[in-house]
Amino acid sequence: MTLPKIAETKNQWLYQQVDVEFPTKESIAGLEVYKKAVATRQYQTLTEAPQQDGTFTSDEIYLVDFHRLTVMFALLQSSMWQSESDQQMIVEFLTQIIYSSPCSLYLGFKQGEAVSAAIVTREEQTVLISDIAIKSDFDSVTKQDFVAGLYDKLDLTVDESHPLVIEQ
């Protein structure tokens, strides 16, 4: 499957996060680890609302808009990698994110604990939900549950002219 244009937009936004005057060597290494992983991802385009079961309510999902939440986001994302070294590099890479459009970071909480994370990218009429991470020891939450909760939180409209792209 070819990479959807909106996924290219998200990737470029994320890759530019280390394009600063003095990036750390760990954040650059984290970028390379991330690029390898993202090259294998698949995309599904929805033209209907995702099935909602009410697992997440809109008040359990938060926009990441300050550093402590960014660290939580990065730690949850890093758990998707097997090697401890890769996890450390991913944390270094993602904690340097500067909040800007077209991407936003979100965390889902259950019982006061961050259990899910994703990046939401908006471009023209299309929305991408990507980099979906679910805490592995929290069995009651699935990617589909979190996507449906984000859909509700963001008050999205999904149809032929407003597709929702989900990164797998």
C-alpha atoms as a PDB file:
ATOM      1  CA  MET A   1       0.000   0.000   0.000  1.00  0.00           C
ATOM      2  CA  THR A   2       1.315   3.431  -0.848  1.00  0.00           C
ATOM      3  CA  LEU A   3       1.755   5.867   1.975  1.00  0.00           C
ATOM      4  CA  PRO A   4      -1.240   8.218   2.248  1.00  0.00           C
ATOM      5  CA  LYS A   5      -0.369  11.902   1.776  1.00  0.00           C
ATOM      6  CA  ILE A   6      -1.502  12.706   5.317  1.00  0.00           C
ATOM      7  CA  ALA A   7       0.893  10.069   6.707  1.00  0.00           C
ATOM      8  CA  GLU A   8       3.731  11.705   4.779  1.00  0.00           C
ATOM      9  CA  THR A   9       2.706  15.024   6.349  1.00  0.00           C
ATOM     10  CA  LYS A  10       2.795  13.521   9.854  1.00  0.00           C
ATOM     11  CA  ASN A  11       6.138  11.856   9.227  1.00  0.00           C
ATOM     12  CA  GLN A  12       7.723  15.065   7.924  1.00  0.00           C
ATOM     13  CA  TRP A  13       6.374  16.994  10.917  1.00  0.00           C
ATOM     14  CA  LEU A  14       7.832  14.425  13.297  1.00  0.00           C
ATOM     15  CA  TYR A  15      11.165  14.170  11.479  1.00  0.00           C
ATOM     16  CA  GLN A  16      11.584  17.954  11.668  1.00  0.00           C
ATOM     17  CA  GLN A  17      11.408  17.826  15.455  1.00  0.00           C
ATOM     18  CA  VAL A  18      15.167  17.160  15.599  1.00  0.00           C
ATOM     19  CA  ASP A  19      15.904  19.869  13.038  1.00  0.00           C
ATOM     20  CA  VAL A  20      17.101  22.257  15.734  1.00  0.00           C
ATOM     21  CA  GLU A  21      20.375  24.034  16.378  1.00  0.00           C
ATOM     22  CA  PHE A  22      21.754  21.474  18.836  1.00  0.00           C
ATOM     23  CA  PRO A  23      19.916  18.142  18.574  1.00  0.00           C
ATOM     24  CA  THR A  24      21.210  15.450  20.890  1.00  0.00           C
ATOM     25  CA  LYS A  25      22.852  12.417  19.321  1.00  0.00           C
ATOM     26  CA  GLU A  26      20.290  10.279  21.180  1.00  0.00           C
ATOM     27  CA  SER A  27      17.350  12.133  19.614  1.00  0.00           C
ATOM     28  CA  ILE A  28      18.891  11.684  16.149  1.00  0.00           C
ATOM     29  CA  ALA A  29      19.383   7.974  16.896  1.00  0.00           C
ATOM     30  CA  GLY A  30      15.745   7.844  18.091  1.00  0.00           C
ATOM     31  CA  LEU A  31      14.624   9.381  14.809  1.00  0.00           C
ATOM     32  CA  GLU A  32      16.387   6.585  12.909  1.00  0.00           C
ATOM     33  CA  VAL A  33      14.785   3.919  15.129  1.00  0.00           C
ATOM     34  CA  TYR A  34      11.395   5.543  14.516  1.00  0.00           C
ATOM     35  CA  LYS A  35      11.910   5.732  10.727  1.00  0.00           C
ATOM     36  CA  LYS A  36      12.632   1.986  10.568  1.00  0.00           C
ATOM     37  CA  ALA A  37       9.425   1.183  12.434  1.00  0.00           C
ATOM     38  CA  VAL A  38       7.181   3.584  10.523  1.00  0.00           C
ATOM     39  CA  ALA A  39       8.327   2.112   7.194  1.00  0.00           C
ATOM     40  CA  THR A  40       6.426  -1.094   8.022  1.00  0.00           C
ATOM     41  CA  ARG A  41       3.123   0.493   9.053  1.00  0.00           C
ATOM     42  CA  GLN A  42      -0.137  -0.038   7.181  1.00  0.00           C
ATOM     43  CA  TYR A  43      -3.066   2.371   6.784  1.00  0.00           C
ATOM     44  CA  GLN A  44      -6.821   1.871   6.759  1.00  0.00           C
ATOM     45  CA  THR A  45      -9.196   4.545   5.461  1.00  0.00           C
ATOM     46  CA  LEU A  46     -12.603   4.765   7.106  1.00  0.00           C
ATOM     47  CA  THR A  47     -15.571   6.544   5.570  1.00  0.00           C
ATOM     48  CA  GLU A  48     -17.865   5.619   8.463  1.00  0.00           C
ATOM     49  CA  ALA A  49     -17.527   6.394  12.156  1.00  0.00           C
ATOM     50  CA  PRO A  50     -15.494   3.832  14.109  1.00  0.00           C
ATOM     51  CA  GLN A  51     -17.540   1.557  16.333  1.00  0.00           C
ATOM     52  CA  GLN A  52     -17.877   3.068  19.785  1.00  0.00           C
ATOM     53  CA  ASP A  53     -18.411   0.948  22.866  1.00  0.00           C
ATOM     54  CA  GLY A  54     -17.983   3.734  25.404  1.00  0.00           C
ATOM     55  CA  THR A  55     -14.690   2.403  26.800  1.00  0.00           C
ATOM     56  CA  PHE A  56     -13.251   5.913  26.666  1.00  0.00           C
ATOM     57  CA  THR A  57     -15.247   8.991  27.486  1.00  0.00           C
ATOM     58  CA  SER A  58     -14.078  12.345  26.169  1.00  0.00           C
ATOM     59  CA  ASP A  59     -13.012  13.403  29.673  1.00  0.00           C
ATOM     60  CA  GLU A  60     -10.521  10.496  29.843  1.00  0.00           C
ATOM     61  CA  ILE A  61      -8.597  11.671  26.765  1.00  0.00           C
ATOM     62  CA  TYR A  62      -6.305  14.674  27.016  1.00  0.00           C
ATOM     63  CA  LEU A  63      -4.444  16.860  24.571  1.00  0.00           C
ATOM     64  CA  VAL A  64      -0.729  16.754  25.351  1.00  0.00           C
ATOM     65  CA  ASP A  65       0.105  20.409  25.842  1.00  0.00           C
ATOM     66  CA  PHE A  66       2.822  20.553  28.477  1.00  0.00           C
ATOM     67  CA  HIS A  67       6.103  18.772  29.109  1.00  0.00           C
ATOM     68  CA  ARG A  68       5.011  16.307  31.792  1.00  0.00           C
ATOM     69  CA  LEU A  69       2.347  14.905  29.464  1.00  0.00           C
ATOM     70  CA  THR A  70       4.930  14.812  26.657  1.00  0.00           C
ATOM     71  CA  VAL A  71       7.153  12.618  28.827  1.00  0.00           C
ATOM     72  CA  MET A  72       4.193  10.320  29.573  1.00  0.00           C
ATOM     73  CA  PHE A  73       3.439  10.191  25.840  1.00  0.00           C
ATOM     74  CA  ALA A  74       7.074   9.346  24.988  1.00  0.00           C
ATOM     75  CA  LEU A  75       7.311   6.629  27.656  1.00  0.00           C
ATOM     76  CA  LEU A  76       4.104   4.983  26.479  1.00  0.00           C
ATOM     77  CA  GLN A  77       5.238   5.177  22.838  1.00  0.00           C
ATOM     78  CA  SER A  78       8.643   3.707  23.701  1.00  0.00           C
ATOM     79  CA  SER A  79       6.985   0.613  25.168  1.00  0.00           C
ATOM     80  CA  MET A  80       6.128  -0.381  21.596  1.00  0.00           C
ATOM     81  CA  TRP A  81       9.821  -1.190  20.975  1.00  0.00           C
ATOM     82  CA  GLN A  82      11.410  -4.415  22.234  1.00  0.00           C
ATOM     83  CA  SER A  83      14.984  -3.353  22.928  1.00  0.00           C
ATOM     84  CA  GLU A  84      15.740  -1.176  25.941  1.00  0.00           C
ATOM     85  CA  SER A  85      18.238   0.805  23.879  1.00  0.00           C
ATOM     86  CA  ASP A  86      15.606   1.563  21.215  1.00  0.00           C
ATOM     87  CA  GLN A  87      13.139   2.539  23.942  1.00  0.00           C
ATOM     88  CA  GLN A  88      15.615   5.032  25.404  1.00  0.00           C
ATOM     89  CA  MET A  89      16.308   6.577  21.986  1.00  0.00           C
ATOM     90  CA  ILE A  90      12.562   6.874  21.234  1.00  0.00           C
ATOM     91  CA  VAL A  91      11.984   8.657  24.555  1.00  0.00           C
ATOM     92  CA  GLU A  92      14.809  11.082  23.771  1.00  0.00           C
ATOM     93  CA  PHE A  93      13.398  11.699  20.276  1.00  0.00           C
ATOM     94  CA  LEU A  94       9.760  12.179  21.306  1.00  0.00           C
ATOM     95  CA  THR A  95      10.353  14.321  24.394  1.00  0.00           C
ATOM     96  CA  GLN A  96      11.751  17.039  22.131  1.00  0.00           C
ATOM     97  CA  ILE A  97       8.450  17.535  20.300  1.00  0.00           C
ATOM     98  CA  ILE A  98       7.368  21.128  19.882  1.00  0.00           C
ATOM     99  CA  TYR A  99       3.577  21.478  19.781  1.00  0.00           C
ATOM    100  CA  SER A 100       2.501  22.782  16.371  1.00  0.00           C
ATOM    101  CA  SER A 101       0.046  22.074  13.597  1.00  0.00           C
ATOM    102  CA  PRO A 102      -0.871  19.974  11.787  1.00  0.00           C
ATOM    103  CA  CYS A 103      -0.231  17.371  14.516  1.00  0.00           C
ATOM    104  CA  SER A 104      -1.437  16.990  18.093  1.00  0.00           C
ATOM    105  CA  LEU A 105      -0.570  14.396  20.709  1.00  0.00           C
ATOM    106  CA  TYR A 106      -3.221  12.718  22.865  1.00  0.00           C
ATOM    107  CA  LEU A 107      -3.165  10.504  25.941  1.00  0.00           C
ATOM    108  CA  GLY A 108      -5.944   8.291  27.259  1.00  0.00           C
ATOM    109  CA  PHE A 109      -6.182   7.703  31.011  1.00  0.00           C
ATOM    110  CA  LYS A 110      -7.829   4.971  33.064  1.00  0.00           C
ATOM    111  CA  GLN A 111      -7.800   4.988  36.860  1.00  0.00           C
ATOM    112  CA  GLY A 112      -5.383   7.944  36.817  1.00  0.00           C
ATOM    113  CA  GLU A 113      -2.834   6.148  34.649  1.00  0.00           C
ATOM    114  CA  ALA A 114      -1.819   6.894  31.047  1.00  0.00           C
ATOM    115  CA  VAL A 115      -2.819   3.755  29.134  1.00  0.00           C
ATOM    116  CA  SER A 116      -2.996   4.920  25.505  1.00  0.00           C
ATOM    117  CA  ALA A 117      -1.387   7.469  23.222  1.00  0.00           C
ATOM    118  CA  ALA A 118      -1.705   8.646  19.621  1.00  0.00           C
ATOM    119  CA  ILE A 119      -0.826  11.417  17.207  1.00  0.00           C
ATOM    120  CA  VAL A 120      -3.721  13.136  15.421  1.00  0.00           C
ATOM    121  CA  THR A 121      -2.927  14.891  12.137  1.00  0.00           C
ATOM    122  CA  ARG A 122      -5.407  17.144  10.360  1.00  0.00           C
ATOM    123  CA  GLU A 123      -4.937  18.142   6.741  1.00  0.00           C
ATOM    124  CA  GLU A 124      -7.693  19.642   4.625  1.00  0.00           C
ATOM    125  CA  GLN A 125     -10.680  17.259   4.966  1.00  0.00           C
ATOM    126  CA  THR A 126      -8.682  14.259   6.217  1.00  0.00           C
ATOM    127  CA  VAL A 127      -7.756  13.188   9.753  1.00  0.00           C
ATOM    128  CA  LEU A 128      -5.033  10.636  10.560  1.00  0.00           C
ATOM    129  CA  ILE A 129      -4.845   8.824  13.886  1.00  0.00           C
ATOM    130  CA  SER A 130      -1.388   7.297  14.088  1.00  0.00           C
ATOM    131  CA  ASP A 131       1.275   6.006  16.441  1.00  0.00           C
ATOM    132  CA  ILE A 132      -1.398   4.339  18.532  1.00  0.00           C
ATOM    133  CA  ALA A 133       0.190   2.889  21.649  1.00  0.00           C
ATOM    134  CA  ILE A 134      -1.710   0.908  24.267  1.00  0.00           C
ATOM    135  CA  LYS A 135      -0.155  -0.021  27.600  1.00  0.00           C
ATOM    136  CA  SER A 136       0.472  -3.763  27.337  1.00  0.00           C
ATOM    137  CA  ASP A 137      -0.572  -4.682  30.879  1.00  0.00           C
ATOM    138  CA  PHE A 138      -3.923  -2.911  30.591  1.00  0.00           C
ATOM    139  CA  ASP A 139      -6.072  -5.605  28.951  1.00  0.00           C
ATOM    140  CA  SER A 140      -9.382  -3.745  29.068  1.00  0.00           C
ATOM    141  CA  VAL A 141      -8.286  -1.153  26.469  1.00  0.00           C
ATOM    142  CA  THR A 142      -7.839  -1.840  22.747  1.00  0.00           C
ATOM    143  CA  LYS A 143      -6.648   0.314  19.855  1.00  0.00           C
ATOM    144  CA  GLN A 144     -10.180   0.326  18.470  1.00  0.00           C
ATOM    145  CA  ASP A 145     -11.550   1.560  21.823  1.00  0.00           C
ATOM    146  CA  PHE A 146      -9.047   4.414  21.913  1.00  0.00           C
ATOM    147  CA  VAL A 147      -9.646   5.383  18.261  1.00  0.00           C
ATOM    148  CA  ALA A 148     -13.392   5.483  18.902  1.00  0.00           C
ATOM    149  CA  GLY A 149     -12.818   7.595  22.009  1.00  0.00           C
ATOM    150  CA  LEU A 150     -10.609  10.023  20.067  1.00  0.00           C
ATOM    151  CA  TYR A 151     -13.232  10.203  17.332  1.00  0.00           C
ATOM    152  CA  ASP A 152     -15.777  11.213  19.956  1.00  0.00           C
ATOM    153  CA  LYS A 153     -13.411  13.613  21.768  1.00  0.00           C
ATOM    154  CA  LEU A 154     -12.495  15.419  18.537  1.00  0.00           C
ATOM    155  CA  ASP A 155     -16.123  15.545  17.398  1.00  0.00           C
ATOM    156  CA  LEU A 156     -15.127  14.315  13.938  1.00  0.00           C
ATOM    157  CA  THR A 157     -17.313  13.862  10.893  1.00  0.00           C
ATOM    158  CA  VAL A 158     -16.353  10.861   8.791  1.00  0.00           C
ATOM    159  CA  ASP A 159     -17.744  10.249   5.312  1.00  0.00           C
ATOM    160  CA  GLU A 160     -16.531  10.017   1.707  1.00  0.00           C
ATOM    161  CA  SER A 161     -15.381  13.641   1.676  1.00  0.00           C
ATOM    162  CA  HIS A 162     -13.979  13.547   5.248  1.00  0.00           C
ATOM    163  CA  PRO A 163     -12.008  10.282   5.524  1.00  0.00           C
ATOM    164  CA  LEU A 164     -10.435   9.057   8.733  1.00  0.00           C
ATOM    165  CA  VAL A 165      -7.114   7.272   8.201  1.00  0.00           C
ATOM    166  CA  ILE A 166      -5.942   4.861  10.880  1.00  0.00           C
ATOM    167  CA  GLU A 167      -2.317   3.764  11.074  1.00  0.00           C
ATOM    168  CA  GLN A 168      -1.986   0.079  11.956  1.00  0.00           C
END
